[in-house]
Protein backbone atom coordinates (compact mmCIF):
# COMPACT_ATOMS: atom_id res chain seq x y z
CA MET A 1 4.23 8.29 9.22
CA THR A 2 2.18 9.53 12.15
CA ASP A 3 2.61 13.20 11.17
CA THR A 4 -0.23 12.93 8.63
CA ALA A 5 -2.50 11.32 11.17
CA GLN A 6 -1.73 14.00 13.76
CA GLN A 7 -2.81 16.75 11.38
CA ARG A 8 -6.37 15.48 11.43
CA PRO A 9 -8.66 17.12 13.99
CA ALA A 10 -9.18 15.15 17.17
CA GLY A 11 -12.86 15.89 17.51
CA ARG A 12 -15.37 14.50 19.97
CA ALA A 13 -16.76 12.08 17.37
CA ASP A 14 -13.29 10.65 16.75
CA ALA A 15 -12.66 10.26 20.45
CA LEU A 16 -15.94 8.45 21.01
CA ALA A 17 -15.20 6.10 18.12
CA VAL A 18 -11.81 5.02 19.40
CA GLY A 19 -13.01 2.19 21.60
CA ARG A 20 -15.32 0.69 19.03
CA ARG A 21 -14.54 -1.91 16.45
CA PRO A 22 -13.51 -0.45 13.07
CA HIS A 23 -16.29 -0.48 10.49
CA PRO A 24 -15.74 -3.67 8.49
CA VAL A 25 -17.70 -3.03 5.31
CA PRO A 26 -15.19 -0.94 3.28
CA THR A 27 -12.31 -3.33 3.97
CA ARG A 28 -13.88 -6.76 3.62
CA TRP A 29 -13.51 -6.89 -0.14
CA ARG A 30 -9.92 -5.66 0.18
CA ASP A 31 -9.12 -8.46 2.64
CA LEU A 32 -10.31 -11.06 0.13
CA SER A 33 -8.86 -9.42 -2.98
CA LEU A 34 -5.80 -11.70 -3.07
CA VAL A 35 -7.83 -14.92 -2.82
CA PRO A 36 -8.58 -14.92 -6.59
CA VAL A 37 -4.92 -14.11 -7.23
CA ILE A 38 -3.86 -17.13 -5.17
CA PHE A 39 -6.30 -19.28 -7.15
CA VAL A 40 -4.93 -17.99 -10.47
CA LEU A 41 -1.38 -18.66 -9.28
CA GLY A 42 -2.44 -22.20 -8.39
CA VAL A 43 -3.79 -22.76 -11.90
CA ALA A 44 -0.68 -21.21 -13.44
CA GLY A 45 1.52 -23.39 -11.26
CA PHE A 46 -0.29 -26.54 -12.36
CA ILE A 47 0.06 -25.51 -16.01
CA VAL A 48 3.78 -24.85 -15.55
CA SER A 49 4.38 -28.11 -13.71
CA PRO A 50 2.02 -30.87 -12.50
CA ALA A 51 4.30 -31.14 -9.46
CA PHE A 52 2.89 -27.85 -8.20
CA LEU A 53 -0.24 -29.43 -6.72
CA THR A 54 1.57 -32.27 -5.02
CA ARG A 55 1.35 -32.47 -1.25
CA ASP A 56 5.08 -32.09 -0.72
CA ASN A 57 5.29 -28.95 -2.85
CA LEU A 58 2.30 -27.23 -1.23
CA ILE A 59 3.48 -28.05 2.28
CA GLY A 60 6.93 -26.80 1.29
CA VAL A 61 5.46 -23.50 0.09
CA VAL A 62 3.56 -23.03 3.34
CA GLN A 63 6.54 -23.98 5.51
CA GLN A 64 8.79 -21.59 3.64
CA SER A 65 6.18 -18.90 4.32
CA THR A 66 6.20 -19.37 8.08
CA GLU A 67 9.37 -17.49 9.02
CA LEU A 68 8.58 -14.62 6.65
CA GLY A 69 4.97 -14.77 7.83
CA LEU A 70 5.94 -14.13 11.44
CA LEU A 71 7.97 -11.10 10.41
CA VAL A 72 4.99 -9.85 8.41
CA LEU A 73 2.71 -10.45 11.40
CA GLY A 74 4.94 -8.34 13.62
CA GLU A 75 5.37 -5.61 10.99
CA ALA A 76 1.65 -5.54 10.25
CA LEU A 77 0.80 -4.89 13.91
CA ILE A 78 3.41 -2.12 14.01
CA LEU A 79 2.20 -0.55 10.76
CA ILE A 80 -1.43 -0.61 11.89
CA SER A 81 -0.37 1.34 14.98
CA GLY A 82 1.19 3.99 12.75
CA ARG A 83 4.85 3.03 13.13
CA MET A 84 7.38 0.89 11.26
CA ASP A 85 10.34 -1.29 12.23
CA LEU A 86 13.07 -2.01 9.69
CA SER A 87 15.20 -3.88 12.22
CA LEU A 88 13.05 -7.02 12.18
CA GLU A 89 15.20 -8.52 9.43
CA SER A 90 18.27 -8.28 11.68
CA THR A 91 16.43 -9.46 14.79
CA ILE A 92 15.61 -12.80 13.14
CA GLY A 93 19.35 -13.44 12.89
CA LEU A 94 20.81 -11.73 15.96
CA ALA A 95 18.35 -13.06 18.56
CA PRO A 96 19.25 -16.74 17.94
CA VAL A 97 22.98 -15.92 17.79
CA ALA A 98 22.85 -13.97 21.06
CA ALA A 99 20.97 -16.78 22.80
CA LEU A 100 23.39 -19.44 21.55
CA TRP A 101 26.35 -17.25 22.52
CA LEU A 102 25.09 -17.22 26.12
CA VAL A 103 24.49 -20.98 26.37
CA THR A 104 27.30 -22.47 24.25
CA PRO A 105 30.42 -23.44 26.25
CA ALA A 106 33.63 -21.54 25.59
CA HIS A 107 35.26 -24.72 24.29
CA GLY A 108 32.20 -26.31 22.79
CA GLY A 109 33.38 -26.58 19.21
CA ARG A 110 33.59 -24.31 16.18
CA PHE A 111 31.39 -21.62 17.77
CA GLU A 112 32.60 -20.51 21.18
CA GLY A 113 30.22 -18.73 23.52
CA LEU A 114 30.18 -17.76 27.16
CA GLY A 115 28.39 -20.86 28.45
CA LEU A 116 26.78 -18.87 31.26
CA LEU A 117 23.38 -20.56 31.15
CA PRO A 118 22.04 -24.08 30.54
CA ALA A 119 21.04 -25.09 27.01
CA TRP A 120 17.31 -25.28 27.80
CA THR A 121 17.24 -21.50 28.35
CA ALA A 122 18.16 -20.80 24.70
CA VAL A 123 14.54 -20.42 23.54
CA PRO A 124 13.39 -18.01 26.29
CA LEU A 125 16.65 -16.08 25.94
CA CYS A 126 16.10 -15.70 22.20
CA LEU A 127 12.56 -14.43 22.72
CA ALA A 128 13.75 -12.04 25.44
CA VAL A 129 16.43 -10.63 23.14
CA GLY A 130 13.83 -10.01 20.43
CA ALA A 131 11.47 -8.27 22.84
CA ALA A 132 14.34 -6.18 24.22
CA ILE A 133 15.28 -5.01 20.71
CA GLY A 134 11.69 -3.95 20.08
CA ALA A 135 11.59 -2.17 23.45
CA ALA A 136 14.85 -0.38 22.59
CA ASN A 137 13.28 0.84 19.35
CA GLY A 138 10.33 2.07 21.38
CA PHE A 139 12.65 4.02 23.67
CA LEU A 140 14.36 5.69 20.73
CA VAL A 141 11.13 6.58 18.96
CA LEU A 142 8.78 7.37 21.85
CA LYS A 143 11.07 8.76 24.54
CA LEU A 144 13.94 10.29 22.59
CA ARG A 145 11.61 11.26 19.69
CA VAL A 146 14.02 9.99 17.04
CA ASN A 147 12.55 9.52 13.57
CA GLY A 148 11.25 5.95 13.44
CA PHE A 149 12.59 5.19 10.00
CA ILE A 150 16.11 6.40 10.81
CA ALA A 151 16.14 4.83 14.28
CA THR A 152 15.14 1.36 13.09
CA LEU A 153 17.42 1.61 10.05
CA GLY A 154 20.32 2.34 12.39
CA MET A 155 19.23 -0.52 14.63
CA LEU A 156 19.11 -2.84 11.61
CA THR A 157 22.68 -1.96 10.69
CA MET A 158 23.95 -2.22 14.27
CA LEU A 159 22.30 -5.59 14.88
CA ARG A 160 23.63 -6.95 11.61
CA GLY A 161 27.13 -5.97 12.63
CA LEU A 162 26.68 -7.50 16.09
CA HIS A 163 25.42 -10.71 14.48
CA LEU A 164 28.51 -10.95 12.31
CA GLY A 165 30.77 -10.07 15.22
CA LEU A 166 29.39 -12.72 17.58
CA SER A 167 29.30 -15.43 14.92
CA GLU A 168 32.59 -14.31 13.34
CA GLY A 169 30.82 -14.32 10.00
CA ARG A 170 30.18 -18.08 10.08
CA SER A 171 27.04 -20.17 10.27
CA ILE A 172 26.34 -21.84 13.62
CA GLY A 173 25.31 -25.45 13.16
CA ASP A 174 25.67 -26.95 16.63
CA VAL A 175 22.43 -25.81 18.27
CA PRO A 176 20.70 -27.35 21.30
CA GLU A 177 17.96 -29.87 20.55
CA SER A 178 15.38 -27.81 22.43
CA PHE A 179 16.21 -24.80 20.25
CA ALA A 180 15.83 -26.71 16.99
CA TYR A 181 12.72 -28.69 17.95
CA LEU A 182 9.92 -26.42 16.71
CA GLY A 183 11.59 -25.78 13.38
CA LYS A 184 11.99 -29.45 12.49
CA ALA A 185 9.14 -31.13 14.42
CA VAL A 186 6.26 -32.76 12.55
CA TRP A 187 2.76 -32.75 14.05
CA LEU A 188 0.08 -34.96 12.47
CA GLY A 189 2.20 -35.40 9.37
CA VAL A 190 2.72 -31.67 8.86
CA PRO A 191 5.65 -29.49 10.00
CA ALA A 192 4.91 -27.86 13.34
CA ALA A 193 5.62 -24.40 11.90
CA VAL A 194 2.72 -24.85 9.47
CA TRP A 195 0.37 -25.15 12.47
CA ILE A 196 2.03 -22.45 14.55
CA CYS A 197 2.13 -19.58 12.05
CA PRO A 198 -1.60 -19.57 11.08
CA ALA A 199 -2.48 -20.02 14.76
CA LEU A 200 -0.53 -16.88 15.67
CA PHE A 201 -2.18 -14.96 12.82
CA ALA A 202 -5.58 -16.11 14.07
CA LEU A 203 -4.69 -15.11 17.62
CA GLY A 204 -3.51 -11.71 16.44
CA GLY A 205 -6.62 -11.21 14.32
CA ALA A 206 -8.85 -12.10 17.26
CA ALA A 207 -6.99 -9.65 19.47
CA LEU A 208 -7.37 -6.84 16.90
CA GLY A 209 -11.06 -7.56 16.45
CA CYS A 210 -12.19 -8.39 19.97
CA LEU A 211 -9.86 -6.87 22.55
CA ARG A 212 -10.02 -3.20 23.45
CA HIS A 213 -6.26 -2.73 23.21
CA GLY A 214 -6.26 -4.58 19.90
CA ARG A 215 -8.90 -2.29 18.44
CA ALA A 216 -6.99 0.64 19.91
CA LEU A 217 -4.17 0.02 17.44
CA TYR A 218 -6.43 1.18 14.60
CA ALA A 219 -7.35 4.31 16.54
CA ILE A 220 -3.72 5.07 17.38
CA GLY A 221 -2.60 4.51 13.80
CA GLY A 222 -5.45 6.53 12.35
CA ASN A 223 -5.43 9.48 14.78
CA PRO A 224 -3.18 9.32 17.85
CA GLU A 225 -4.43 12.61 19.25
CA ALA A 226 -8.02 11.41 19.18
CA ALA A 227 -6.88 8.19 20.82
CA ARG A 228 -5.26 10.18 23.62
CA SER A 229 -8.44 12.21 24.00
CA ALA A 230 -10.35 8.96 24.44
CA GLY A 231 -8.08 7.98 27.32
CA LEU A 232 -5.81 5.50 25.53
CA ARG A 233 -2.18 5.32 26.63
CA VAL A 234 -0.82 5.71 23.14
CA ASP A 235 2.90 5.54 23.94
CA ARG A 236 2.55 2.54 26.23
CA ILE A 237 0.51 0.56 23.71
CA THR A 238 2.85 1.48 20.84
CA TRP A 239 5.85 0.49 22.94
CA ALA A 240 4.25 -2.88 23.67
CA VAL A 241 3.53 -3.46 19.97
CA LEU A 242 7.15 -2.76 19.05
CA ALA A 243 8.27 -5.27 21.69
CA VAL A 244 5.81 -7.86 20.36
CA GLY A 245 7.16 -7.28 16.85
CA GLY A 246 10.70 -7.97 18.05
CA LEU A 247 9.53 -11.07 19.92
CA LEU A 248 7.82 -12.44 16.80
CA ALA A 249 10.97 -11.82 14.76
CA ALA A 250 13.00 -13.73 17.34
CA PHE A 251 10.49 -16.59 17.23
CA ALA A 252 10.82 -16.61 13.44
CA GLY A 253 14.56 -16.97 14.00
CA ILE A 254 13.94 -20.04 16.18
CA LEU A 255 11.78 -21.67 13.50
CA TYR A 256 14.29 -20.80 10.78
CA THR A 257 17.18 -22.24 12.78
CA GLY A 258 15.34 -25.48 13.45
CA HIS A 259 14.11 -25.74 9.86
CA TYR A 260 17.59 -25.44 8.34
CA GLY A 261 19.56 -26.84 11.27
CA ALA A 262 21.79 -23.78 11.67
CA VAL A 263 21.89 -20.04 12.18
CA SER A 264 23.10 -18.64 8.88
CA ALA A 265 25.60 -15.78 8.88
CA SER A 266 23.29 -13.95 6.46
CA GLN A 267 20.03 -14.93 8.15
CA GLY A 268 17.36 -12.33 7.41
CA ASN A 269 19.42 -10.29 4.94
CA GLY A 270 17.09 -8.44 2.57
CA TRP A 271 13.93 -9.87 4.12
CA ILE A 272 12.51 -6.49 5.03
CA PHE A 273 11.72 -5.85 1.36
CA GLN A 274 9.64 -9.02 1.21
CA VAL A 275 8.01 -8.12 4.52
CA PHE A 276 6.82 -4.77 3.22
CA ALA A 277 5.83 -6.29 -0.11
CA ALA A 278 3.62 -8.86 1.62
CA ALA A 279 2.13 -6.26 3.98
CA VAL A 280 1.37 -3.74 1.23
CA ILE A 281 -0.20 -6.17 -1.23
CA GLY A 282 -2.15 -7.60 1.71
CA GLY A 283 -3.81 -4.24 2.31
CA ILE A 284 -1.82 -2.94 5.30
CA SER A 285 -1.59 0.85 5.05
CA LEU A 286 1.86 2.38 5.41
CA LYS A 287 0.18 5.40 7.02
CA GLY A 288 -1.37 3.39 9.84
CA GLY A 289 -4.89 2.57 10.96
CA ARG A 290 -5.83 0.22 8.11
CA GLY A 291 -5.51 -3.40 7.17
CA THR A 292 -6.12 -6.84 8.62
CA LEU A 293 -3.90 -9.77 9.47
CA PHE A 294 -5.84 -12.02 7.11
CA GLY A 295 -4.90 -9.69 4.27
CA ALA A 296 -1.27 -9.74 5.42
CA LEU A 297 -1.30 -13.55 5.50
CA THR A 298 -2.65 -13.75 1.95
CA GLY A 299 0.11 -11.32 0.95
CA VAL A 300 2.74 -13.72 2.31
CA LEU A 301 1.19 -16.69 0.51
CA THR A 302 0.96 -14.72 -2.75
CA LEU A 303 4.65 -13.83 -2.68
CA GLN A 304 5.70 -17.39 -1.92
CA LEU A 305 3.45 -18.83 -4.62
CA VAL A 306 4.87 -16.42 -7.17
CA ILE A 307 8.40 -17.52 -6.26
CA ASN A 308 7.39 -21.19 -6.34
CA VAL A 309 5.75 -20.88 -9.76
CA MET A 310 8.79 -19.03 -11.08
CA THR A 311 11.08 -21.75 -9.73
CA LEU A 312 9.02 -24.55 -11.26
CA GLY A 313 8.96 -22.61 -14.53
CA GLY A 314 12.75 -22.39 -14.60
CA VAL A 315 12.97 -18.63 -13.99
CA PRO A 316 16.34 -17.72 -12.38
CA PRO A 317 15.98 -16.79 -8.68
CA LEU A 318 18.01 -13.64 -9.33
CA TRP A 319 14.80 -12.08 -10.65
CA THR A 320 13.00 -12.48 -7.31
CA GLN A 321 14.06 -9.12 -5.89
CA PHE A 322 12.97 -7.31 -9.05
CA LEU A 323 9.60 -9.03 -8.86
CA ASN A 324 9.12 -8.13 -5.18
CA GLY A 325 9.79 -4.47 -5.94
CA LEU A 326 7.42 -4.55 -8.89
CA ILE A 327 4.71 -6.09 -6.72
CA ILE A 328 5.12 -3.33 -4.11
CA ILE A 329 4.79 -0.59 -6.75
CA ILE A 330 1.71 -2.20 -8.34
CA ALA A 331 0.10 -2.68 -4.92
CA LEU A 332 0.72 0.96 -3.98
CA VAL A 333 -0.81 2.16 -7.25
CA ILE A 334 -3.86 -0.05 -6.77
CA SER A 335 -4.19 1.10 -3.15
CA ARG A 336 -3.97 4.72 -4.28
CA PHE A 337 -6.94 4.45 -6.63
CA THR A 338 -9.10 1.86 -4.86
CA GLY A 339 -8.38 2.37 -1.18
CA GLY A 340 -8.93 6.10 -1.06
CA GLU A 341 -5.46 6.89 0.27
CA LYS A 342 -4.05 10.23 -0.75
CA GLN A 343 -0.35 10.53 -1.32
CA ASP A 344 1.56 13.55 -0.06
């Protein structure tokens, strides 16, 4: 992905532009392009079923978007920096299992762990596992120079196997109360996850727009050599972003576990396709250096609304995967002719 960016000349003008905020004018309309789509989906949903606009249904749609949304947030940051991470879909399942394996007593019930640490450490352990997975991906890609797609694909497969091995292929339902709290808590009459996910998107968007290292992601994704010429520590920043992506995936696993009351044996399976679908239709460039987190968030909401409208309309859920793939292809075609991206 970064090979194309590295072929561009790292001139003085590029180097001087690295530290500045990306020019917003060409992308503002792209960021808002899904807002009319969301409105149309809302009208279609109401036509299909009056239950669509009920409070419970809308809150349900948003809550079901939170776990996927955190994966999209992590992937969007990684894509903007010019990399990709396929292993996020396995991290959302393995990180909770690994944490529970360390805190669950050896004779604690159906799932037997090591019981090495107290139950209250499950949340920080889960987050640490996620960050460690992202850091391991960074080591493979940045230090060993392994192809990022192949490295993270291998990591996805390995983590999935480790998840199944630790859980013995069964769901884990007996989780500590502290671990399940955020996923099932209700704040001001709304699930806590509904507050947390948009807050993290807002925090990430503020970091990309206001902080030097946040703006540096666009420079690194667009032209890493120019970024190096401007004095940015490209590898260190990219490594940190991969670790943050893993941490966000682990946090998504915490919310998912609390929401459904268990760690599913298939948790995260196939999610990476939805992650890329949401990112692409939200305007995140697969070549790096383009896109905003607001666009990515609208991509998540669009996907979930499409699924919700289909469900209310009686369309079998087996068609969801086909629809996600179709949405990705349409978004890529639109991006090709409206976003100015040239395909190799």
